[in-house]
PDB file of N, CA and C in Angstrom:
ATOM      1  N   MET A   1     -12.600  29.590   1.371  1.00  0.00           N
ATOM      2  CA  MET A   1     -12.080  28.659   0.398  1.00  0.00           C
ATOM      3  C   MET A   1     -13.112  28.462  -0.715  1.00  0.00           C
ATOM      4  N   LYS A   2     -12.669  28.493  -1.953  1.00  0.00           N
ATOM      5  CA  LYS A   2     -13.556  28.342  -3.101  1.00  0.00           C
ATOM      6  C   LYS A   2     -13.891  26.866  -3.301  1.00  0.00           C
ATOM      7  N   LYS A   3     -15.171  26.569  -3.479  1.00  0.00           N
ATOM      8  CA  LYS A   3     -15.617  25.201  -3.667  1.00  0.00           C
ATOM      9  C   LYS A   3     -15.393  24.787  -5.109  1.00  0.00           C
ATOM     10  N   LYS A   4     -14.784  23.611  -5.308  1.00  0.00           N
ATOM     11  CA  LYS A   4     -14.512  23.090  -6.640  1.00  0.00           C
ATOM     12  C   LYS A   4     -15.810  22.572  -7.251  1.00  0.00           C
ATOM     13  N   SER A   5     -16.117  23.014  -8.448  1.00  0.00           N
ATOM     14  CA  SER A   5     -17.308  22.572  -9.149  1.00  0.00           C
ATOM     15  C   SER A   5     -16.901  21.637 -10.285  1.00  0.00           C
ATOM     16  N   LEU A   6     -17.503  20.468 -10.311  1.00  0.00           N
ATOM     17  CA  LEU A   6     -17.214  19.496 -11.359  1.00  0.00           C
ATOM     18  C   LEU A   6     -18.290  19.565 -12.433  1.00  0.00           C
ATOM     19  N   THR A   7     -17.897  19.303 -13.664  1.00  0.00           N
ATOM     20  CA  THR A   7     -18.865  19.281 -14.755  1.00  0.00           C
ATOM     21  C   THR A   7     -19.420  17.871 -14.923  1.00  0.00           C
ATOM     22  N   LYS A   8     -20.541  17.789 -15.609  1.00  0.00           N
ATOM     23  CA  LYS A   8     -21.150  16.497 -15.902  1.00  0.00           C
ATOM     24  C   LYS A   8     -20.184  15.633 -16.714  1.00  0.00           C
ATOM     25  N   GLU A   9     -19.453  16.258 -17.628  1.00  0.00           N
ATOM     26  CA  GLU A   9     -18.501  15.531 -18.468  1.00  0.00           C
ATOM     27  C   GLU A   9     -17.371  14.927 -17.630  1.00  0.00           C
ATOM     28  N   GLU A  10     -16.922  15.670 -16.617  1.00  0.00           N
ATOM     29  CA  GLU A  10     -15.864  15.158 -15.746  1.00  0.00           C
ATOM     30  C   GLU A  10     -16.345  13.932 -14.953  1.00  0.00           C
ATOM     31  N   ILE A  11     -17.581  13.979 -14.478  1.00  0.00           N
ATOM     32  CA  ILE A  11     -18.144  12.853 -13.738  1.00  0.00           C
ATOM     33  C   ILE A  11     -18.276  11.638 -14.656  1.00  0.00           C
ATOM     34  N   ILE A  12     -18.756  11.850 -15.853  1.00  0.00           N
ATOM     35  CA  ILE A  12     -18.902  10.762 -16.821  1.00  0.00           C
ATOM     36  C   ILE A  12     -17.538  10.180 -17.179  1.00  0.00           C
ATOM     37  N   HIS A  13     -16.537  11.037 -17.324  1.00  0.00           N
ATOM     38  CA  HIS A  13     -15.181  10.577 -17.621  1.00  0.00           C
ATOM     39  C   HIS A  13     -14.640   9.727 -16.472  1.00  0.00           C
ATOM     40  N   LEU A  14     -14.812  10.181 -15.235  1.00  0.00           N
ATOM     41  CA  LEU A  14     -14.374   9.398 -14.076  1.00  0.00           C
ATOM     42  C   LEU A  14     -15.099   8.056 -14.012  1.00  0.00           C
ATOM     43  N   ALA A  15     -16.394   8.068 -14.301  1.00  0.00           N
ATOM     44  CA  ALA A  15     -17.172   6.832 -14.295  1.00  0.00           C
ATOM     45  C   ALA A  15     -16.658   5.871 -15.363  1.00  0.00           C
ATOM     46  N   LYS A  16     -16.333   6.412 -16.525  1.00  0.00           N
ATOM     47  CA  LYS A  16     -15.806   5.581 -17.612  1.00  0.00           C
ATOM     48  C   LYS A  16     -14.474   4.956 -17.213  1.00  0.00           C
ATOM     49  N   LEU A  17     -13.609   5.736 -16.550  1.00  0.00           N
ATOM     50  CA  LEU A  17     -12.331   5.203 -16.084  1.00  0.00           C
ATOM     51  C   LEU A  17     -12.523   4.087 -15.067  1.00  0.00           C
ATOM     52  N   ALA A  18     -13.603   4.175 -14.287  1.00  0.00           N
ATOM     53  CA  ALA A  18     -13.904   3.161 -13.277  1.00  0.00           C
ATOM     54  C   ALA A  18     -14.730   2.016 -13.847  1.00  0.00           C
ATOM     55  N   GLY A  19     -15.076   2.111 -15.122  1.00  0.00           N
ATOM     56  CA  GLY A  19     -15.861   1.055 -15.763  1.00  0.00           C
ATOM     57  C   GLY A  19     -17.325   1.074 -15.349  1.00  0.00           C
ATOM     58  N   LEU A  20     -17.844   2.262 -15.051  1.00  0.00           N
ATOM     59  CA  LEU A  20     -19.227   2.390 -14.608  1.00  0.00           C
ATOM     60  C   LEU A  20     -20.085   3.071 -15.668  1.00  0.00           C
ATOM     61  N   ASN A  21     -21.296   2.620 -15.804  1.00  0.00           N
ATOM     62  CA  ASN A  21     -22.286   3.281 -16.656  1.00  0.00           C
ATOM     63  C   ASN A  21     -23.294   3.927 -15.722  1.00  0.00           C
ATOM     64  N   LEU A  22     -23.344   5.245 -15.719  1.00  0.00           N
ATOM     65  CA  LEU A  22     -24.203   5.963 -14.795  1.00  0.00           C
ATOM     66  C   LEU A  22     -25.407   6.561 -15.494  1.00  0.00           C
ATOM     67  N   THR A  23     -26.523   6.565 -14.771  1.00  0.00           N
ATOM     68  CA  THR A  23     -27.712   7.269 -15.256  1.00  0.00           C
ATOM     69  C   THR A  23     -27.516   8.754 -14.954  1.00  0.00           C
ATOM     70  N   ASP A  24     -28.375   9.595 -15.525  1.00  0.00           N
ATOM     71  CA  ASP A  24     -28.296  11.039 -15.263  1.00  0.00           C
ATOM     72  C   ASP A  24     -28.492  11.323 -13.775  1.00  0.00           C
ATOM     73  N   LYS A  25     -29.387  10.577 -13.141  1.00  0.00           N
ATOM     74  CA  LYS A  25     -29.642  10.756 -11.716  1.00  0.00           C
ATOM     75  C   LYS A  25     -28.388  10.410 -10.899  1.00  0.00           C
ATOM     76  N   GLU A  26     -27.700   9.332 -11.283  1.00  0.00           N
ATOM     77  CA  GLU A  26     -26.476   8.931 -10.583  1.00  0.00           C
ATOM     78  C   GLU A  26     -25.357   9.942 -10.812  1.00  0.00           C
ATOM     79  N   VAL A  27     -25.275  10.500 -12.014  1.00  0.00           N
ATOM     80  CA  VAL A  27     -24.260  11.517 -12.307  1.00  0.00           C
ATOM     81  C   VAL A  27     -24.425  12.698 -11.364  1.00  0.00           C
ATOM     82  N   GLU A  28     -25.656  13.172 -11.182  1.00  0.00           N
ATOM     83  CA  GLU A  28     -25.917  14.294 -10.281  1.00  0.00           C
ATOM     84  C   GLU A  28     -25.579  13.934  -8.831  1.00  0.00           C
ATOM     85  N   LYS A  29     -25.949  12.724  -8.431  1.00  0.00           N
ATOM     86  CA  LYS A  29     -25.685  12.272  -7.062  1.00  0.00           C
ATOM     87  C   LYS A  29     -24.184  12.245  -6.798  1.00  0.00           C
ATOM     88  N   TYR A  30     -23.413  11.630  -7.711  1.00  0.00           N
ATOM     89  CA  TYR A  30     -21.966  11.506  -7.517  1.00  0.00           C
ATOM     90  C   TYR A  30     -21.259  12.844  -7.688  1.00  0.00           C
ATOM     91  N   LYS A  31     -21.821  13.724  -8.499  1.00  0.00           N
ATOM     92  CA  LYS A  31     -21.248  15.067  -8.658  1.00  0.00           C
ATOM     93  C   LYS A  31     -21.244  15.777  -7.313  1.00  0.00           C
ATOM     94  N   ILE A  32     -22.369  15.738  -6.623  1.00  0.00           N
ATOM     95  CA  ILE A  32     -22.479  16.376  -5.295  1.00  0.00           C
ATOM     96  C   ILE A  32     -21.521  15.719  -4.303  1.00  0.00           C
ATOM     97  N   GLN A  33     -21.495  14.391  -4.294  1.00  0.00           N
ATOM     98  CA  GLN A  33     -20.641  13.668  -3.347  1.00  0.00           C
ATOM     99  C   GLN A  33     -19.157  13.924  -3.604  1.00  0.00           C
ATOM    100  N   LEU A  34     -18.758  13.935  -4.871  1.00  0.00           N
ATOM    101  CA  LEU A  34     -17.350  14.180  -5.190  1.00  0.00           C
ATOM    102  C   LEU A  34     -16.928  15.607  -4.870  1.00  0.00           C
ATOM    103  N   GLU A  35     -17.814  16.561  -5.112  1.00  0.00           N
ATOM    104  CA  GLU A  35     -17.508  17.949  -4.757  1.00  0.00           C
ATOM    105  C   GLU A  35     -17.333  18.100  -3.249  1.00  0.00           C
ATOM    106  N   GLU A  36     -18.175  17.421  -2.465  1.00  0.00           N
ATOM    107  CA  GLU A  36     -18.030  17.452  -1.012  1.00  0.00           C
ATOM    108  C   GLU A  36     -16.713  16.817  -0.574  1.00  0.00           C
ATOM    109  N   THR A  37     -16.355  15.707  -1.215  1.00  0.00           N
ATOM    110  CA  THR A  37     -15.105  15.010  -0.883  1.00  0.00           C
ATOM    111  C   THR A  37     -13.902  15.878  -1.204  1.00  0.00           C
ATOM    112  N   ILE A  38     -13.906  16.498  -2.365  1.00  0.00           N
ATOM    113  CA  ILE A  38     -12.800  17.381  -2.765  1.00  0.00           C
ATOM    114  C   ILE A  38     -12.685  18.556  -1.796  1.00  0.00           C
ATOM    115  N   SER A  39     -13.810  19.128  -1.424  1.00  0.00           N
ATOM    116  CA  SER A  39     -13.817  20.244  -0.482  1.00  0.00           C
ATOM    117  C   SER A  39     -13.220  19.819   0.854  1.00  0.00           C
ATOM    118  N   TYR A  40     -13.574  18.654   1.323  1.00  0.00           N
ATOM    119  CA  TYR A  40     -13.058  18.138   2.591  1.00  0.00           C
ATOM    120  C   TYR A  40     -11.543  17.928   2.510  1.00  0.00           C
ATOM    121  N   ILE A  41     -11.087  17.333   1.425  1.00  0.00           N
ATOM    122  CA  ILE A  41      -9.661  17.053   1.258  1.00  0.00           C
ATOM    123  C   ILE A  41      -8.861  18.344   1.107  1.00  0.00           C
ATOM    124  N   GLU A  42      -9.445  19.355   0.484  1.00  0.00           N
ATOM    125  CA  GLU A  42      -8.740  20.634   0.304  1.00  0.00           C
ATOM    126  C   GLU A  42      -8.459  21.328   1.633  1.00  0.00           C
ATOM    127  N   ASN A  43      -9.119  20.915   2.701  1.00  0.00           N
ATOM    128  CA  ASN A  43      -8.817  21.449   4.030  1.00  0.00           C
ATOM    129  C   ASN A  43      -7.366  21.156   4.419  1.00  0.00           C
ATOM    130  N   LEU A  44      -6.803  20.104   3.855  1.00  0.00           N
ATOM    131  CA  LEU A  44      -5.409  19.753   4.152  1.00  0.00           C
ATOM    132  C   LEU A  44      -4.445  20.834   3.677  1.00  0.00           C
ATOM    133  N   ASN A  45      -4.855  21.615   2.685  1.00  0.00           N
ATOM    134  CA  ASN A  45      -3.998  22.695   2.188  1.00  0.00           C
ATOM    135  C   ASN A  45      -3.776  23.778   3.242  1.00  0.00           C
ATOM    136  N   GLU A  46      -4.625  23.820   4.254  1.00  0.00           N
ATOM    137  CA  GLU A  46      -4.496  24.816   5.306  1.00  0.00           C
ATOM    138  C   GLU A  46      -3.465  24.424   6.360  1.00  0.00           C
ATOM    139  N   LEU A  47      -3.017  23.170   6.333  1.00  0.00           N
ATOM    140  CA  LEU A  47      -2.038  22.703   7.316  1.00  0.00           C
ATOM    141  C   LEU A  47      -0.631  23.171   6.967  1.00  0.00           C
ATOM    142  N   ASP A  48       0.153  23.489   7.990  1.00  0.00           N
ATOM    143  CA  ASP A  48       1.543  23.862   7.785  1.00  0.00           C
ATOM    144  C   ASP A  48       2.380  22.584   7.718  1.00  0.00           C
ATOM    145  N   THR A  49       2.834  22.244   6.529  1.00  0.00           N
ATOM    146  CA  THR A  49       3.625  21.024   6.328  1.00  0.00           C
ATOM    147  C   THR A  49       5.074  21.348   5.962  1.00  0.00           C
ATOM    148  N   GLU A  50       5.496  22.563   6.243  1.00  0.00           N
ATOM    149  CA  GLU A  50       6.839  23.020   5.871  1.00  0.00           C
ATOM    150  C   GLU A  50       7.941  22.123   6.433  1.00  0.00           C
ATOM    151  N   LYS A  51       7.799  21.690   7.681  1.00  0.00           N
ATOM    152  CA  LYS A  51       8.858  20.920   8.333  1.00  0.00           C
ATOM    153  C   LYS A  51       8.576  19.416   8.350  1.00  0.00           C
ATOM    154  N   VAL A  52       7.579  18.962   7.603  1.00  0.00           N
ATOM    155  CA  VAL A  52       7.221  17.547   7.569  1.00  0.00           C
ATOM    156  C   VAL A  52       7.944  16.878   6.403  1.00  0.00           C
ATOM    157  N   LYS A  53       8.682  15.820   6.716  1.00  0.00           N
ATOM    158  CA  LYS A  53       9.407  15.097   5.669  1.00  0.00           C
ATOM    159  C   LYS A  53       8.438  14.222   4.872  1.00  0.00           C
ATOM    160  N   PRO A  54       8.654  14.116   3.568  1.00  0.00           N
ATOM    161  CA  PRO A  54       7.818  13.211   2.767  1.00  0.00           C
ATOM    162  C   PRO A  54       8.031  11.768   3.230  1.00  0.00           C
ATOM    163  N   THR A  55       6.984  10.974   3.147  1.00  0.00           N
ATOM    164  CA  THR A  55       7.087   9.584   3.571  1.00  0.00           C
ATOM    165  C   THR A  55       6.192   8.707   2.714  1.00  0.00           C
ATOM    166  N   SER A  56       6.553   7.441   2.630  1.00  0.00           N
ATOM    167  CA  SER A  56       5.722   6.498   1.888  1.00  0.00           C
ATOM    168  C   SER A  56       4.901   5.629   2.826  1.00  0.00           C
ATOM    169  N   HIS A  57       5.206   5.686   4.111  1.00  0.00           N
ATOM    170  CA  HIS A  57       4.426   4.961   5.105  1.00  0.00           C
ATOM    171  C   HIS A  57       4.539   5.680   6.456  1.00  0.00           C
ATOM    172  N   THR A  58       3.695   5.308   7.395  1.00  0.00           N
ATOM    173  CA  THR A  58       3.572   6.084   8.620  1.00  0.00           C
ATOM    174  C   THR A  58       4.450   5.607   9.765  1.00  0.00           C
ATOM    175  N   THR A  59       5.126   4.497   9.605  1.00  0.00           N
ATOM    176  CA  THR A  59       5.996   4.009  10.678  1.00  0.00           C
ATOM    177  C   THR A  59       7.446   4.111  10.240  1.00  0.00           C
ATOM    178  N   SER A  60       8.337   4.102  11.190  1.00  0.00           N
ATOM    179  CA  SER A  60       9.758   4.155  10.847  1.00  0.00           C
ATOM    180  C   SER A  60      10.370   2.759  10.787  1.00  0.00           C
ATOM    181  N   LEU A  61       9.536   1.723  10.816  1.00  0.00           N
ATOM    182  CA  LEU A  61      10.034   0.352  10.771  1.00  0.00           C
ATOM    183  C   LEU A  61      10.536   0.009   9.376  1.00  0.00           C
ATOM    184  N   THR A  62      11.668  -0.631   9.321  1.00  0.00           N
ATOM    185  CA  THR A  62      12.185  -1.107   8.047  1.00  0.00           C
ATOM    186  C   THR A  62      12.673  -2.530   8.231  1.00  0.00           C
ATOM    187  N   ASN A  63      12.206  -3.420   7.380  1.00  0.00           N
ATOM    188  CA  ASN A  63      12.662  -4.799   7.365  1.00  0.00           C
ATOM    189  C   ASN A  63      12.676  -5.398   8.775  1.00  0.00           C
ATOM    190  N   VAL A  64      11.538  -5.518   9.392  1.00  0.00           N
ATOM    191  CA  VAL A  64      11.446  -5.947  10.787  1.00  0.00           C
ATOM    192  C   VAL A  64      11.655  -7.442  10.982  1.00  0.00           C
ATOM    193  N   TYR A  65      11.733  -8.205   9.923  1.00  0.00           N
ATOM    194  CA  TYR A  65      11.829  -9.652  10.061  1.00  0.00           C
ATOM    195  C   TYR A  65      13.262 -10.176  10.126  1.00  0.00           C
ATOM    196  N   PHE A  66      14.159  -9.607   9.355  1.00  0.00           N
ATOM    197  CA  PHE A  66      15.545 -10.051   9.405  1.00  0.00           C
ATOM    198  C   PHE A  66      16.451  -8.950   8.859  1.00  0.00           C
ATOM    199  N   LYS A  67      17.703  -8.993   9.259  1.00  0.00           N
ATOM    200  CA  LYS A  67      18.657  -7.974   8.842  1.00  0.00           C
ATOM    201  C   LYS A  67      18.999  -8.136   7.369  1.00  0.00           C
ATOM    202  N   ASP A  68      19.355  -7.019   6.727  1.00  0.00           N
ATOM    203  CA  ASP A  68      19.747  -7.085   5.325  1.00  0.00           C
ATOM    204  C   ASP A  68      20.905  -8.053   5.152  1.00  0.00           C
ATOM    205  N   GLY A  69      20.797  -8.878   4.136  1.00  0.00           N
ATOM    206  CA  GLY A  69      21.843  -9.849   3.849  1.00  0.00           C
ATOM    207  C   GLY A  69      21.662 -11.162   4.590  1.00  0.00           C
ATOM    208  N   GLN A  70      20.866 -11.173   5.651  1.00  0.00           N
ATOM    209  CA  GLN A  70      20.633 -12.387   6.418  1.00  0.00           C
ATOM    210  C   GLN A  70      19.608 -13.252   5.674  1.00  0.00           C
ATOM    211  N   GLN A  71      19.781 -14.572   5.738  1.00  0.00           N
ATOM    212  CA  GLN A  71      18.865 -15.497   5.070  1.00  0.00           C
ATOM    213  C   GLN A  71      17.490 -15.448   5.734  1.00  0.00           C
ATOM    214  N   ASN A  72      16.454 -15.380   4.929  1.00  0.00           N
ATOM    215  CA  ASN A  72      15.086 -15.383   5.450  1.00  0.00           C
ATOM    216  C   ASN A  72      14.690 -16.830   5.714  1.00  0.00           C
ATOM    217  N   GLU A  73      14.705 -17.209   6.962  1.00  0.00           N
ATOM    218  CA  GLU A  73      14.379 -18.586   7.325  1.00  0.00           C
ATOM    219  C   GLU A  73      12.881 -18.808   7.442  1.00  0.00           C
ATOM    220  N   ASN A  74      12.099 -17.750   7.373  1.00  0.00           N
ATOM    221  CA  ASN A  74      10.643 -17.863   7.464  1.00  0.00           C
ATOM    222  C   ASN A  74       9.991 -18.136   6.113  1.00  0.00           C
ATOM    223  N   ALA A  75      10.727 -17.998   5.034  1.00  0.00           N
ATOM    224  CA  ALA A  75      10.161 -18.165   3.699  1.00  0.00           C
ATOM    225  C   ALA A  75       9.839 -19.634   3.438  1.00  0.00           C
ATOM    226  N   PHE A  76       8.740 -19.870   2.730  1.00  0.00           N
ATOM    227  CA  PHE A  76       8.354 -21.225   2.357  1.00  0.00           C
ATOM    228  C   PHE A  76       9.134 -21.680   1.134  1.00  0.00           C
ATOM    229  N   SER A  77       9.422 -22.973   1.062  1.00  0.00           N
ATOM    230  CA  SER A  77      10.008 -23.530  -0.154  1.00  0.00           C
ATOM    231  C   SER A  77       8.880 -23.723  -1.162  1.00  0.00           C
ATOM    232  N   LEU A  78       9.221 -23.859  -2.448  1.00  0.00           N
ATOM    233  CA  LEU A  78       8.188 -24.053  -3.474  1.00  0.00           C
ATOM    234  C   LEU A  78       7.391 -25.314  -3.210  1.00  0.00           C
ATOM    235  N   SER A  79       8.061 -26.368  -2.755  1.00  0.00           N
ATOM    236  CA  SER A  79       7.328 -27.612  -2.481  1.00  0.00           C
ATOM    237  C   SER A  79       6.308 -27.408  -1.360  1.00  0.00           C
ATOM    238  N   ALA A  80       6.645 -26.621  -0.353  1.00  0.00           N
ATOM    239  CA  ALA A  80       5.703 -26.345   0.737  1.00  0.00           C
ATOM    240  C   ALA A  80       4.546 -25.476   0.252  1.00  0.00           C
ATOM    241  N   VAL A  81       4.829 -24.520  -0.618  1.00  0.00           N
ATOM    242  CA  VAL A  81       3.787 -23.632  -1.130  1.00  0.00           C
ATOM    243  C   VAL A  81       2.755 -24.414  -1.934  1.00  0.00           C
ATOM    244  N   PHE A  82       3.206 -25.341  -2.759  1.00  0.00           N
ATOM    245  CA  PHE A  82       2.310 -26.069  -3.660  1.00  0.00           C
ATOM    246  C   PHE A  82       1.846 -27.415  -3.095  1.00  0.00           C
ATOM    247  N   ARG A  83       2.205 -27.721  -1.856  1.00  0.00           N
ATOM    248  CA  ARG A  83       1.906 -29.027  -1.264  1.00  0.00           C
ATOM    249  C   ARG A  83       0.419 -29.365  -1.334  1.00  0.00           C
ATOM    250  N   ASN A  84      -0.471 -28.446  -1.010  1.00  0.00           N
ATOM    251  CA  ASN A  84      -1.908 -28.724  -0.984  1.00  0.00           C
ATOM    252  C   ASN A  84      -2.669 -28.141  -2.162  1.00  0.00           C
ATOM    253  N   ALA A  85      -1.954 -27.671  -3.163  1.00  0.00           N
ATOM    254  CA  ALA A  85      -2.610 -27.071  -4.330  1.00  0.00           C
ATOM    255  C   ALA A  85      -3.254 -28.154  -5.183  1.00  0.00           C
ATOM    256  N   LYS A  86      -4.527 -27.962  -5.503  1.00  0.00           N
ATOM    257  CA  LYS A  86      -5.228 -28.932  -6.346  1.00  0.00           C
ATOM    258  C   LYS A  86      -4.790 -28.813  -7.800  1.00  0.00           C
ATOM    259  N   ASN A  87      -4.654 -27.570  -8.258  1.00  0.00           N
ATOM    260  CA  ASN A  87      -4.292 -27.339  -9.653  1.00  0.00           C
ATOM    261  C   ASN A  87      -3.050 -26.463  -9.721  1.00  0.00           C
ATOM    262  N   LYS A  88      -2.004 -26.991 -10.292  1.00  0.00           N
ATOM    263  CA  LYS A  88      -0.778 -26.221 -10.469  1.00  0.00           C
ATOM    264  C   LYS A  88      -0.149 -26.609 -11.798  1.00  0.00           C
ATOM    265  N   GLU A  89       0.642 -25.692 -12.320  1.00  0.00           N
ATOM    266  CA  GLU A  89       1.354 -25.952 -13.563  1.00  0.00           C
ATOM    267  C   GLU A  89       2.718 -25.301 -13.437  1.00  0.00           C
ATOM    268  N   LYS A  90       3.747 -26.094 -13.511  1.00  0.00           N
ATOM    269  CA  LYS A  90       5.114 -25.649 -13.256  1.00  0.00           C
ATOM    270  C   LYS A  90       5.152 -24.991 -11.874  1.00  0.00           C
ATOM    271  N   ASN A  91       5.589 -23.765 -11.744  1.00  0.00           N
ATOM    272  CA  ASN A  91       5.646 -23.091 -10.448  1.00  0.00           C
ATOM    273  C   ASN A  91       4.555 -22.041 -10.299  1.00  0.00           C
ATOM    274  N   TYR A  92       3.347 -22.362 -10.812  1.00  0.00           N
ATOM    275  CA  TYR A  92       2.221 -21.425 -10.746  1.00  0.00           C
ATOM    276  C   TYR A  92       0.959 -22.150 -10.292  1.00  0.00           C
ATOM    277  N   PHE A  93       0.076 -21.412  -9.607  1.00  0.00           N
ATOM    278  CA  PHE A  93      -1.249 -21.941  -9.309  1.00  0.00           C
ATOM    279  C   PHE A  93      -2.064 -21.818 -10.580  1.00  0.00           C
ATOM    280  N   LYS A  94      -2.824 -22.851 -10.914  1.00  0.00           N
ATOM    281  CA  LYS A  94      -3.655 -22.831 -12.112  1.00  0.00           C
ATOM    282  C   LYS A  94      -5.093 -22.580 -11.679  1.00  0.00           C
ATOM    283  N   VAL A  95      -5.693 -21.508 -12.220  1.00  0.00           N
ATOM    284  CA  VAL A  95      -7.064 -21.133 -11.872  1.00  0.00           C
ATOM    285  C   VAL A  95      -7.882 -20.943 -13.145  1.00  0.00           C
ATOM    286  N   LYS A  96      -9.203 -20.910 -12.953  1.00  0.00           N
ATOM    287  CA  LYS A  96     -10.076 -20.656 -14.097  1.00  0.00           C
ATOM    288  C   LYS A  96      -9.867 -19.251 -14.602  1.00  0.00           C
ATOM    289  N   LYS A  97     -10.065 -19.070 -15.890  1.00  0.00           N
ATOM    290  CA  LYS A  97      -9.937 -17.763 -16.510  1.00  0.00           C
ATOM    291  C   LYS A  97     -10.982 -16.804 -15.953  1.00  0.00           C
ATOM    292  N   ILE A  98     -10.565 -15.572 -15.649  1.00  0.00           N
ATOM    293  CA  ILE A  98     -11.472 -14.568 -15.105  1.00  0.00           C
ATOM    294  C   ILE A  98     -11.786 -13.566 -16.213  1.00  0.00           C
ATOM    295  N   PHE A  99     -13.062 -13.329 -16.434  1.00  0.00           N
ATOM    296  CA  PHE A  99     -13.468 -12.414 -17.499  1.00  0.00           C
ATOM    297  C   PHE A  99     -13.682 -11.049 -16.975  1.00  0.00           C
TER     298      PHE A  99
END
């Protein structure tokens, strides 16, 4: 299997997307680590998945709490949700602005 080689520009681009400012030393470190990760994940290409159905989750459970159309009696009312809230405005929790 051919090992995927990443460029310095690709690492810097990924870091920028993640909101990271990397030093040259960190770029080299993450380049090696990402190449190893990609190589490991590419091993999955060797698996025979011809008869495997696509899925969005690993269990076959669907709506385990109540039947479709049945009233959800476990849901909280708005008054119960906001009962102990210190700061609320209309039907929302009011919190400090996050920068």
